[in-house]
C-alpha atoms as a PDB file:
ATOM      1  CA  MET A   1      61.343 -53.950  20.952  1.00  0.00           C
ATOM      2  CA  VAL A   2      64.282 -52.905  18.792  1.00  0.00           C
ATOM      3  CA  ALA A   3      64.843 -49.205  18.294  1.00  0.00           C
ATOM      4  CA  SER A   4      66.757 -47.808  15.366  1.00  0.00           C
ATOM      5  CA  LYS A   5      67.591 -44.347  14.143  1.00  0.00           C
ATOM      6  CA  LEU A   6      65.460 -42.528  11.615  1.00  0.00           C
ATOM      7  CA  LEU A   7      66.504 -39.334   9.869  1.00  0.00           C
ATOM      8  CA  ALA A   8      63.968 -37.059   8.196  1.00  0.00           C
ATOM      9  CA  PHE A   9      65.180 -33.843   6.639  1.00  0.00           C
ATOM     10  CA  GLY A  10      64.345 -31.164   4.076  1.00  0.00           C
ATOM     11  CA  ALA A  11      60.626 -30.861   4.914  1.00  0.00           C
ATOM     12  CA  LEU A  12      58.515 -28.843   2.474  1.00  0.00           C
ATOM     13  CA  PHE A  13      54.895 -27.886   3.064  1.00  0.00           C
ATOM     14  CA  ALA A  14      52.414 -27.361   0.178  1.00  0.00           C
ATOM     15  CA  LEU A  15      49.795 -24.716   0.922  1.00  0.00           C
ATOM     16  CA  THR A  16      46.298 -24.360  -0.570  1.00  0.00           C
ATOM     17  CA  GLY A  17      45.790 -20.995  -2.211  1.00  0.00           C
ATOM     18  CA  GLU A  18      49.465 -20.164  -1.850  1.00  0.00           C
ATOM     19  CA  LEU A  19      49.131 -16.803  -3.542  1.00  0.00           C
ATOM     20  CA  THR A  20      45.790 -15.677  -2.133  1.00  0.00           C
ATOM     21  CA  ALA A  21      45.141 -17.158   1.312  1.00  0.00           C
ATOM     22  CA  PRO A  22      47.642 -19.796   2.424  1.00  0.00           C
ATOM     23  CA  THR A  23      45.654 -21.278   5.294  1.00  0.00           C
ATOM     24  CA  ASN A  24      45.555 -25.007   4.520  1.00  0.00           C
ATOM     25  CA  LEU A  25      48.410 -27.509   4.307  1.00  0.00           C
ATOM     26  CA  ASP A  26      47.727 -30.029   1.556  1.00  0.00           C
ATOM     27  CA  GLN A  27      50.985 -31.962   1.546  1.00  0.00           C
ATOM     28  CA  VAL A  28      54.267 -32.464   3.363  1.00  0.00           C
ATOM     29  CA  THR A  29      57.329 -33.855   1.599  1.00  0.00           C
ATOM     30  CA  PHE A  30      60.710 -34.799   3.003  1.00  0.00           C
ATOM     31  CA  THR A  31      63.649 -37.160   2.559  1.00  0.00           C
ATOM     32  CA  ILE A  32      64.055 -40.119   4.894  1.00  0.00           C
ATOM     33  CA  ALA A  33      66.920 -42.441   5.787  1.00  0.00           C
ATOM     34  CA  PRO A  34      67.061 -45.342   5.746  1.00  0.00           C
ATOM     35  CA  THR A  35      65.326 -45.167   2.383  1.00  0.00           C
ATOM     36  CA  THR A  36      63.772 -48.644   2.796  1.00  0.00           C
ATOM     37  CA  ALA A  37      61.113 -47.635   5.339  1.00  0.00           C
ATOM     38  CA  THR A  38      57.894 -49.437   4.380  1.00  0.00           C
ATOM     39  CA  THR A  39      55.405 -47.613   6.592  1.00  0.00           C
ATOM     40  CA  VAL A  40      55.793 -43.874   7.182  1.00  0.00           C
ATOM     41  CA  LYS A  41      53.395 -41.566   9.043  1.00  0.00           C
ATOM     42  CA  ALA A  42      53.566 -37.887   9.933  1.00  0.00           C
ATOM     43  CA  GLN A  43      51.861 -35.775  12.583  1.00  0.00           C
ATOM     44  CA  LEU A  44      51.687 -31.962  12.461  1.00  0.00           C
ATOM     45  CA  ALA A  45      50.453 -31.203  15.991  1.00  0.00           C
ATOM     46  CA  SER A  46      50.769 -32.832  19.385  1.00  0.00           C
ATOM     47  CA  ALA A  47      47.900 -35.328  19.773  1.00  0.00           C
ATOM     48  CA  GLY A  48      46.863 -34.515  16.188  1.00  0.00           C
ATOM     49  CA  THR A  49      45.997 -36.721  13.228  1.00  0.00           C
ATOM     50  CA  TRP A  50      48.575 -39.181  11.927  1.00  0.00           C
ATOM     51  CA  TYR A  51      48.781 -38.937   8.120  1.00  0.00           C
ATOM     52  CA  SER A  52      49.884 -41.915   6.021  1.00  0.00           C
ATOM     53  CA  CYS A  53      52.767 -41.235   3.675  1.00  0.00           C
ATOM     54  CA  ALA A  54      54.218 -42.774   0.524  1.00  0.00           C
ATOM     55  CA  ASN A  55      57.945 -43.519   0.454  1.00  0.00           C
ATOM     56  CA  THR A  56      59.664 -43.864  -2.912  1.00  0.00           C
ATOM     57  CA  ALA A  57      63.363 -44.634  -2.417  1.00  0.00           C
ATOM     58  CA  GLY A  58      63.612 -42.190   0.495  1.00  0.00           C
ATOM     59  CA  SER A  59      61.480 -39.422  -1.021  1.00  0.00           C
ATOM     60  CA  VAL A  60      58.373 -39.207   1.202  1.00  0.00           C
ATOM     61  CA  THR A  61      55.043 -37.515   0.415  1.00  0.00           C
ATOM     62  CA  CYS A  62      52.232 -37.148   2.966  1.00  0.00           C
ATOM     63  CA  ASN A  63      48.843 -35.870   1.819  1.00  0.00           C
ATOM     64  CA  THR A  64      47.323 -33.836   4.652  1.00  0.00           C
ATOM     65  CA  THR A  65      43.833 -33.159   3.308  1.00  0.00           C
ATOM     66  CA  SER A  66      41.763 -35.749   5.169  1.00  0.00           C
ATOM     67  CA  PRO A  67      41.224 -34.277   7.625  1.00  0.00           C
ATOM     68  CA  GLN A  68      42.488 -30.974   6.270  1.00  0.00           C
ATOM     69  CA  ALA A  69      45.613 -29.722   8.054  1.00  0.00           C
ATOM     70  CA  THR A  70      45.906 -25.979   8.598  1.00  0.00           C
ATOM     71  CA  VAL A  71      48.867 -23.660   8.935  1.00  0.00           C
ATOM     72  CA  ALA A  72      47.600 -22.345  12.278  1.00  0.00           C
ATOM     73  CA  ALA A  73      47.343 -25.812  13.824  1.00  0.00           C
ATOM     74  CA  ALA A  74      50.680 -27.136  12.498  1.00  0.00           C
ATOM     75  CA  THR A  75      53.056 -26.726  15.417  1.00  0.00           C
ATOM     76  CA  GLN A  76      55.508 -29.587  14.832  1.00  0.00           C
ATOM     77  CA  LEU A  77      56.494 -32.336  12.439  1.00  0.00           C
ATOM     78  CA  THR A  78      56.709 -35.785  14.006  1.00  0.00           C
ATOM     79  CA  VAL A  79      57.609 -38.733  11.757  1.00  0.00           C
ATOM     80  CA  VAL A  80      57.435 -42.449  12.551  1.00  0.00           C
ATOM     81  CA  ALA A  81      58.592 -45.181  10.202  1.00  0.00           C
ATOM     82  CA  THR A  82      59.035 -48.948  10.171  1.00  0.00           C
ATOM     83  CA  GLN A  83      61.085 -51.207   7.956  1.00  0.00           C
END
């Protein structure tokens, strides 16, 4: 197995009902390097669901609605990627 470095930075979290009751996380976005990662996944809690992400030239978007991620349960951001 060959290990390489992955950098993910600038994470933003999109909340459902941002102005009224921000309890659900609908999306996570961040920048990744190297930008050529073909498979990217994100996890928001230890032993939690792995969400598939889309990478467009290093700009990554992960929809976190199936199953629905919540603010209360989101305790970390773990990212894995392959090239």
